[in-house]
């Protein structure tokens, strides 16, 4: 289904103080219970000047499906080494060539 596709996975927040978290990467395995990605984590953070903290290298990440808020499919040629984030009003967005930029979260959430 989405195996071998580049995606942005937004993880659910379970309490108000929890920082919003997303993963951007390639799906290596997918089942009814979990998704495995080779991905970089992106966490919203007020302490960072650009509003986000991005992992320096990609890692294998296993995410339970009940923890996933939503999944956005990215272009297959998306480069994990050139992740860029921009603001649009109060929203932090992942810059993607071609389609509209991908929502990450609101400024001040982290």
N, C-alpha and C. Protein backbone atom coordinates (compact mmCIF):
# COMPACT_ATOMS: atom_id res chain seq x y z
N UNK A 1 0.83 -1.18 0.00
CA UNK A 1 0.00 0.00 0.00
C UNK A 1 0.88 1.26 0.00
N UNK A 2 1.56 1.57 1.11
CA UNK A 2 2.46 2.72 1.13
C UNK A 2 3.91 2.30 1.32
N UNK A 3 4.17 0.99 1.22
CA UNK A 3 5.53 0.50 1.36
C UNK A 3 6.40 1.10 0.25
N UNK A 4 7.62 1.49 0.62
CA UNK A 4 8.59 2.10 -0.28
C UNK A 4 8.20 3.49 -0.75
N UNK A 5 7.28 4.15 -0.06
CA UNK A 5 6.89 5.53 -0.38
C UNK A 5 7.48 6.46 0.67
N UNK A 6 7.74 7.69 0.26
CA UNK A 6 8.19 8.73 1.19
C UNK A 6 6.94 9.33 1.83
N UNK A 7 6.95 9.47 3.16
CA UNK A 7 5.78 9.97 3.88
C UNK A 7 6.18 10.90 5.01
N UNK A 8 5.19 11.68 5.48
CA UNK A 8 5.28 12.42 6.73
C UNK A 8 4.23 11.81 7.64
N UNK A 9 4.64 11.29 8.79
CA UNK A 9 3.73 10.68 9.76
C UNK A 9 3.65 11.62 10.96
N UNK A 10 2.45 12.09 11.25
CA UNK A 10 2.23 12.94 12.42
C UNK A 10 1.72 12.07 13.55
N UNK A 11 2.37 12.16 14.71
CA UNK A 11 2.05 11.32 15.87
C UNK A 11 1.04 12.07 16.75
N UNK A 12 0.09 11.34 17.31
CA UNK A 12 -0.94 11.93 18.19
C UNK A 12 -0.30 12.49 19.46
N UNK A 13 -0.94 13.54 19.99
CA UNK A 13 -0.57 14.08 21.29
C UNK A 13 -1.56 13.52 22.30
N UNK A 14 -1.05 12.97 23.40
CA UNK A 14 -1.92 12.38 24.41
C UNK A 14 -2.14 13.27 25.62
N UNK A 15 -1.35 14.34 25.75
CA UNK A 15 -1.57 15.30 26.83
C UNK A 15 -1.09 16.66 26.36
N UNK A 16 -1.60 17.72 26.98
CA UNK A 16 -1.38 19.09 26.53
C UNK A 16 0.10 19.48 26.46
N UNK A 17 0.88 19.06 27.42
CA UNK A 17 2.29 19.45 27.49
C UNK A 17 3.19 18.69 26.53
N UNK A 18 2.69 17.64 25.91
CA UNK A 18 3.49 16.83 24.98
C UNK A 18 3.83 17.65 23.74
N UNK A 19 5.08 17.60 23.33
CA UNK A 19 5.51 18.33 22.14
C UNK A 19 5.06 17.58 20.88
N UNK A 20 4.56 18.31 19.88
CA UNK A 20 4.15 17.68 18.62
C UNK A 20 5.36 17.05 17.93
N UNK A 21 5.15 15.85 17.39
CA UNK A 21 6.23 15.08 16.77
C UNK A 21 5.77 14.55 15.42
N UNK A 22 6.66 14.63 14.43
CA UNK A 22 6.42 14.05 13.11
C UNK A 22 7.66 13.27 12.70
N UNK A 23 7.47 12.34 11.80
CA UNK A 23 8.58 11.62 11.19
C UNK A 23 8.47 11.77 9.68
N UNK A 24 9.62 12.00 9.03
CA UNK A 24 9.66 12.10 7.57
C UNK A 24 10.65 11.06 7.09
N UNK A 25 10.18 10.17 6.21
CA UNK A 25 11.07 9.14 5.70
C UNK A 25 10.38 8.15 4.81
N UNK A 26 11.08 7.06 4.54
CA UNK A 26 10.60 6.02 3.63
C UNK A 26 10.02 4.85 4.43
N UNK A 27 8.84 4.40 4.03
CA UNK A 27 8.18 3.27 4.69
C UNK A 27 8.90 1.99 4.27
N UNK A 28 9.40 1.24 5.25
CA UNK A 28 10.07 -0.03 4.95
C UNK A 28 9.18 -1.23 5.23
N UNK A 29 8.19 -1.07 6.11
CA UNK A 29 7.22 -2.14 6.40
C UNK A 29 5.93 -1.50 6.90
N UNK A 30 4.82 -2.20 6.64
CA UNK A 30 3.50 -1.64 6.95
C UNK A 30 2.56 -2.81 7.25
N UNK A 31 1.87 -2.75 8.39
CA UNK A 31 0.90 -3.79 8.71
C UNK A 31 -0.32 -3.13 9.33
N UNK A 32 -1.28 -3.94 9.76
CA UNK A 32 -2.47 -3.37 10.39
C UNK A 32 -2.17 -2.83 11.79
N UNK A 33 -1.02 -3.18 12.38
CA UNK A 33 -0.70 -2.75 13.74
C UNK A 33 0.41 -1.71 13.85
N UNK A 34 1.28 -1.60 12.86
CA UNK A 34 2.41 -0.70 12.96
C UNK A 34 2.94 -0.30 11.60
N UNK A 35 3.74 0.76 11.61
CA UNK A 35 4.43 1.26 10.42
C UNK A 35 5.91 1.38 10.79
N UNK A 36 6.79 0.89 9.92
CA UNK A 36 8.23 1.01 10.14
C UNK A 36 8.78 1.95 9.07
N UNK A 37 9.56 2.94 9.53
CA UNK A 37 10.13 3.93 8.63
C UNK A 37 11.64 4.00 8.81
N UNK A 38 12.33 4.35 7.74
CA UNK A 38 13.71 4.82 7.84
C UNK A 38 13.57 6.33 7.74
N UNK A 39 13.60 7.02 8.90
CA UNK A 39 13.14 8.40 8.94
C UNK A 39 13.94 9.28 9.88
N UNK A 40 13.70 10.59 9.72
CA UNK A 40 14.20 11.59 10.64
C UNK A 40 13.01 12.12 11.43
N UNK A 41 13.21 12.35 12.72
CA UNK A 41 12.18 12.92 13.56
C UNK A 41 12.22 14.43 13.51
N UNK A 42 11.04 15.03 13.54
CA UNK A 42 10.91 16.49 13.59
C UNK A 42 10.02 16.81 14.78
N UNK A 43 10.57 17.54 15.76
CA UNK A 43 9.81 17.89 16.95
C UNK A 43 9.68 19.41 17.02
N UNK A 44 8.45 19.89 17.22
CA UNK A 44 8.24 21.32 17.39
C UNK A 44 8.82 21.74 18.73
N UNK A 45 9.53 22.87 18.72
CA UNK A 45 10.22 23.32 19.93
C UNK A 45 10.31 24.84 19.94
N UNK A 46 9.83 25.43 21.01
CA UNK A 46 9.93 26.89 21.16
C UNK A 46 11.37 27.34 21.36
N UNK A 47 12.24 26.45 21.81
CA UNK A 47 13.62 26.80 22.10
C UNK A 47 14.47 26.98 20.84
N UNK A 48 14.02 26.43 19.72
CA UNK A 48 14.76 26.55 18.47
C UNK A 48 14.35 27.82 17.73
N UNK A 49 15.29 28.45 17.06
CA UNK A 49 14.99 29.71 16.36
C UNK A 49 14.00 29.51 15.21
N UNK A 50 14.07 28.36 14.53
CA UNK A 50 13.15 28.10 13.42
C UNK A 50 11.88 27.36 13.86
N UNK A 51 11.76 27.04 15.15
CA UNK A 51 10.55 26.41 15.69
C UNK A 51 10.54 24.90 15.68
N UNK A 52 11.58 24.26 15.10
CA UNK A 52 11.62 22.80 15.06
C UNK A 52 13.02 22.28 15.37
N UNK A 53 13.05 21.05 15.85
CA UNK A 53 14.30 20.34 16.08
C UNK A 53 14.27 19.12 15.16
N UNK A 54 15.26 18.98 14.26
CA UNK A 54 15.28 17.91 13.26
C UNK A 54 16.46 17.00 13.56
N UNK A 55 16.21 15.68 13.55
CA UNK A 55 17.29 14.71 13.74
C UNK A 55 18.36 14.92 12.68
N UNK A 56 19.62 14.71 13.05
CA UNK A 56 20.72 14.90 12.11
C UNK A 56 20.87 13.74 11.13
N UNK A 57 20.49 12.52 11.56
CA UNK A 57 20.57 11.38 10.65
C UNK A 57 19.31 10.52 10.78
N UNK A 58 19.02 9.77 9.75
CA UNK A 58 17.82 8.94 9.78
C UNK A 58 18.07 7.64 10.54
N UNK A 59 17.01 7.13 11.14
CA UNK A 59 17.05 5.89 11.91
C UNK A 59 15.81 5.06 11.60
N UNK A 60 15.87 3.78 11.93
CA UNK A 60 14.68 2.93 11.82
C UNK A 60 13.73 3.29 12.96
N UNK A 61 12.47 3.53 12.63
CA UNK A 61 11.47 3.93 13.62
C UNK A 61 10.24 3.05 13.43
N UNK A 62 9.76 2.45 14.51
CA UNK A 62 8.54 1.64 14.47
C UNK A 62 7.46 2.40 15.22
N UNK A 63 6.34 2.70 14.54
CA UNK A 63 5.27 3.50 15.13
C UNK A 63 4.00 2.67 15.18
N UNK A 64 3.42 2.48 16.37
CA UNK A 64 2.14 1.76 16.45
C UNK A 64 1.06 2.56 15.72
N UNK A 65 0.20 1.88 14.97
CA UNK A 65 -0.82 2.58 14.18
C UNK A 65 -1.79 3.37 15.04
N UNK A 66 -2.04 2.92 16.29
CA UNK A 66 -2.97 3.68 17.14
C UNK A 66 -2.35 5.01 17.59
N UNK A 67 -1.03 5.19 17.44
CA UNK A 67 -0.36 6.44 17.80
C UNK A 67 -0.30 7.44 16.65
N UNK A 68 -0.72 7.03 15.46
CA UNK A 68 -0.62 7.88 14.28
C UNK A 68 -1.85 8.76 14.14
N UNK A 69 -1.61 10.08 14.05
CA UNK A 69 -2.68 11.03 13.80
C UNK A 69 -3.04 11.02 12.32
N UNK A 70 -2.04 11.20 11.45
CA UNK A 70 -2.28 11.11 10.01
C UNK A 70 -0.97 10.86 9.27
N UNK A 71 -1.11 10.42 8.02
CA UNK A 71 0.04 10.14 7.16
C UNK A 71 -0.15 10.94 5.88
N UNK A 72 0.89 11.62 5.45
CA UNK A 72 0.86 12.38 4.20
C UNK A 72 1.92 11.81 3.29
N UNK A 73 1.53 11.38 2.09
CA UNK A 73 2.48 10.83 1.12
C UNK A 73 3.21 11.99 0.45
N UNK A 74 4.53 11.89 0.39
CA UNK A 74 5.38 12.90 -0.23
C UNK A 74 5.86 12.40 -1.59
N UNK A 75 6.40 13.27 -2.42
CA UNK A 75 6.97 12.81 -3.69
C UNK A 75 8.08 11.80 -3.44
N UNK A 76 8.20 10.81 -4.32
CA UNK A 76 9.21 9.76 -4.16
C UNK A 76 10.64 10.29 -4.19
N UNK A 77 10.85 11.45 -4.79
CA UNK A 77 12.20 12.00 -4.88
C UNK A 77 12.53 12.97 -3.74
N UNK A 78 11.71 12.98 -2.69
CA UNK A 78 11.96 13.88 -1.55
C UNK A 78 13.30 13.51 -0.90
N UNK A 79 14.15 14.51 -0.66
CA UNK A 79 15.49 14.29 -0.12
C UNK A 79 15.51 14.55 1.39
N UNK A 80 15.74 13.50 2.17
CA UNK A 80 15.80 13.62 3.64
C UNK A 80 16.96 14.47 4.12
N UNK A 81 17.99 14.63 3.30
CA UNK A 81 19.16 15.41 3.70
C UNK A 81 18.96 16.91 3.48
N UNK A 82 17.85 17.29 2.87
CA UNK A 82 17.58 18.70 2.61
C UNK A 82 16.22 19.12 3.16
N UNK A 83 15.91 18.71 4.38
CA UNK A 83 14.63 19.06 5.00
C UNK A 83 14.63 20.55 5.29
N UNK A 84 13.58 21.23 4.81
CA UNK A 84 13.41 22.66 5.07
C UNK A 84 12.03 22.88 5.67
N UNK A 85 11.97 23.80 6.64
CA UNK A 85 10.71 24.14 7.29
C UNK A 85 10.47 25.63 7.10
N UNK A 86 9.23 25.99 6.82
CA UNK A 86 8.86 27.39 6.65
C UNK A 86 7.63 27.70 7.48
N UNK A 87 7.34 28.97 7.65
CA UNK A 87 6.13 29.37 8.37
C UNK A 87 5.15 29.99 7.38
N UNK A 88 3.89 29.71 7.62
CA UNK A 88 2.80 30.29 6.84
C UNK A 88 1.76 30.74 7.86
N UNK A 89 1.81 32.04 8.20
CA UNK A 89 0.96 32.50 9.30
C UNK A 89 1.49 31.93 10.60
N UNK A 90 0.67 31.20 11.33
CA UNK A 90 1.05 30.56 12.59
C UNK A 90 1.46 29.10 12.38
N UNK A 91 1.44 28.61 11.13
CA UNK A 91 1.71 27.20 10.86
C UNK A 91 3.16 26.98 10.45
N UNK A 92 3.73 25.89 10.96
CA UNK A 92 5.03 25.42 10.51
C UNK A 92 4.76 24.37 9.43
N UNK A 93 5.44 24.52 8.28
CA UNK A 93 5.18 23.63 7.15
C UNK A 93 6.49 23.08 6.60
N UNK A 94 6.46 21.82 6.19
CA UNK A 94 7.58 21.15 5.55
C UNK A 94 7.57 21.54 4.08
N UNK A 95 8.69 22.08 3.58
CA UNK A 95 8.77 22.52 2.18
C UNK A 95 8.91 21.28 1.28
N UNK A 96 7.98 21.16 0.32
CA UNK A 96 7.96 20.03 -0.61
C UNK A 96 7.85 20.59 -2.02
N UNK A 97 8.72 20.15 -2.93
CA UNK A 97 8.63 20.59 -4.32
C UNK A 97 7.38 20.01 -4.97
N UNK A 98 6.72 20.80 -5.77
CA UNK A 98 5.54 20.31 -6.50
C UNK A 98 4.26 20.60 -5.75
N UNK A 99 3.78 19.63 -4.95
CA UNK A 99 2.50 19.86 -4.27
C UNK A 99 2.63 20.91 -3.17
N UNK A 100 1.53 21.22 -2.58
CA UNK A 100 1.53 22.21 -1.50
C UNK A 100 2.37 21.70 -0.32
N UNK A 101 2.99 22.64 0.40
CA UNK A 101 3.81 22.29 1.56
C UNK A 101 2.97 21.52 2.59
N UNK A 102 3.64 20.71 3.41
CA UNK A 102 3.00 19.78 4.33
C UNK A 102 2.97 20.35 5.76
N UNK A 103 1.81 20.34 6.39
CA UNK A 103 1.62 20.87 7.74
C UNK A 103 2.38 20.04 8.77
N UNK A 104 3.10 20.73 9.67
CA UNK A 104 3.78 20.07 10.79
C UNK A 104 3.13 20.40 12.11
N UNK A 105 2.73 21.66 12.31
CA UNK A 105 2.13 22.07 13.57
C UNK A 105 2.01 23.57 13.64
N UNK A 106 1.56 24.08 14.79
CA UNK A 106 1.38 25.50 15.01
C UNK A 106 2.56 26.07 15.80
N UNK A 107 2.94 27.31 15.49
CA UNK A 107 3.96 27.98 16.27
C UNK A 107 3.52 28.07 17.72
N UNK A 108 4.43 27.86 18.64
CA UNK A 108 4.10 27.95 20.06
C UNK A 108 3.56 26.67 20.64
N UNK A 109 3.32 25.62 19.83
CA UNK A 109 2.81 24.35 20.35
C UNK A 109 3.89 23.61 21.13
N UNK A 110 5.13 23.73 20.71
CA UNK A 110 6.19 22.96 21.33
C UNK A 110 6.72 23.66 22.51
